[in-house]
Each structure stands twice: as structure tokens, then as C-alpha cells.
Amino acid sequence: MRWWKILGLAGMAGVAATGVAIARAERRRRAYTPEEIRLRLRERAEGQPEGRKS
């Protein structure tokens, strides 16, 4: 039964680490101002080949 406990603790640690990574990415995403987002979208659109504009 001891290995079940170890497996469970490892699973819980993995879930916690995933949550931290998701929260960090979300914080980074929300840190952009609307003007920065517009600028990035324009840069991305300008970098696409002519036939691929959507």
C-alpha cells in the first residue's frame, strides 16, 4: 500500500505544478495592453504571405 501513497503524492505534485504553469501563462497573457495586442496582430498579419491573409 505504501507505493499507492507515493504515487498519489506524485500525482498531486504534478497537478499543482501544472496549475502554477497555467496561472503564470495567464498572468503573462493578461499583462498586455490593448495597444500592444493590436501592434502584435498587425505585425503578424504583415508577416504572412499574400495568399494567406485571412
C-alpha atoms as a PDB file:
ATOM      1  CA  MET A   1       0.000   0.000   0.000  1.00  0.00           C
ATOM      2  CA  ARG A   2       2.934   2.368   0.553  1.00  0.00           C
ATOM      3  CA  TRP A   3       3.599   2.747  -3.171  1.00  0.00           C
ATOM      4  CA  TRP A   4      -0.007   3.911  -3.662  1.00  0.00           C
ATOM      5  CA  LYS A   5       0.688   6.782  -1.285  1.00  0.00           C
ATOM      6  CA  ILE A   6       3.864   7.708  -3.153  1.00  0.00           C
ATOM      7  CA  LEU A   7       2.037   7.537  -6.467  1.00  0.00           C
ATOM      8  CA  GLY A   8      -0.766   9.709  -5.102  1.00  0.00           C
ATOM      9  CA  LEU A   9       1.653  12.317  -3.742  1.00  0.00           C
ATOM     10  CA  ALA A  10       3.497  12.409  -7.071  1.00  0.00           C
ATOM     11  CA  GLY A  11       0.193  12.914  -8.877  1.00  0.00           C
ATOM     12  CA  MET A  12      -0.801  15.743  -6.556  1.00  0.00           C
ATOM     13  CA  ALA A  13       2.584  17.412  -7.078  1.00  0.00           C
ATOM     14  CA  GLY A  14       2.103  17.143 -10.847  1.00  0.00           C
ATOM     15  CA  VAL A  15      -1.337  18.725 -10.674  1.00  0.00           C
ATOM     16  CA  ALA A  16      -0.004  21.571  -8.523  1.00  0.00           C
ATOM     17  CA  ALA A  17       2.913  22.190 -10.900  1.00  0.00           C
ATOM     18  CA  THR A  18       0.540  22.275 -13.870  1.00  0.00           C
ATOM     19  CA  GLY A  19      -1.687  24.776 -12.088  1.00  0.00           C
ATOM     20  CA  VAL A  20       1.283  27.024 -11.378  1.00  0.00           C
ATOM     21  CA  ALA A  21       2.377  26.913 -15.021  1.00  0.00           C
ATOM     22  CA  ILE A  22      -1.139  27.752 -16.250  1.00  0.00           C
ATOM     23  CA  ALA A  23      -1.502  30.638 -13.782  1.00  0.00           C
ATOM     24  CA  ARG A  24       1.870  32.064 -14.800  1.00  0.00           C
ATOM     25  CA  ALA A  25       0.975  31.915 -18.515  1.00  0.00           C
ATOM     26  CA  GLU A  26      -2.399  33.535 -17.853  1.00  0.00           C
ATOM     27  CA  ARG A  27      -0.790  36.363 -15.893  1.00  0.00           C
ATOM     28  CA  ARG A  28       1.697  36.947 -18.705  1.00  0.00           C
ATOM     29  CA  ARG A  29      -1.129  36.967 -21.285  1.00  0.00           C
ATOM     30  CA  ARG A  30      -3.242  39.447 -19.331  1.00  0.00           C
ATOM     31  CA  ALA A  31      -0.302  41.822 -18.839  1.00  0.00           C
ATOM     32  CA  TYR A  32      -0.579  43.104 -22.437  1.00  0.00           C
ATOM     33  CA  THR A  33      -2.296  46.414 -23.030  1.00  0.00           C
ATOM     34  CA  PRO A  34      -4.872  46.605 -25.825  1.00  0.00           C
ATOM     35  CA  GLU A  35      -2.434  48.676 -27.904  1.00  0.00           C
ATOM     36  CA  GLU A  36       0.282  46.024 -27.538  1.00  0.00           C
ATOM     37  CA  ILE A  37      -2.154  43.352 -28.688  1.00  0.00           C
ATOM     38  CA  ARG A  38      -3.150  45.411 -31.747  1.00  0.00           C
ATOM     39  CA  LEU A  39       0.509  46.004 -32.608  1.00  0.00           C
ATOM     40  CA  ARG A  40       1.333  42.283 -32.337  1.00  0.00           C
ATOM     41  CA  LEU A  41      -1.642  41.338 -34.514  1.00  0.00           C
ATOM     42  CA  ARG A  42      -0.652  43.871 -37.174  1.00  0.00           C
ATOM     43  CA  GLU A  43       2.943  42.598 -37.159  1.00  0.00           C
ATOM     44  CA  ARG A  44       1.732  39.019 -37.512  1.00  0.00           C
ATOM     45  CA  ALA A  45      -0.613  39.939 -40.390  1.00  0.00           C
ATOM     46  CA  GLU A  46       2.156  41.837 -42.217  1.00  0.00           C
ATOM     47  CA  GLY A  47       4.469  38.840 -41.926  1.00  0.00           C
ATOM     48  CA  GLN A  48       2.079  36.452 -43.706  1.00  0.00           C
ATOM     49  CA  PRO A  49       2.451  35.691 -47.414  1.00  0.00           C
ATOM     50  CA  GLU A  50      -0.051  37.423 -49.737  1.00  0.00           C
ATOM     51  CA  GLY A  51      -2.129  34.315 -50.430  1.00  0.00           C
ATOM     52  CA  ARG A  52      -2.640  33.500 -46.747  1.00  0.00           C
ATOM     53  CA  LYS A  53      -4.273  36.686 -45.436  1.00  0.00           C
ATOM     54  CA  SER A  54      -7.492  35.919 -43.637  1.00  0.00           C
END
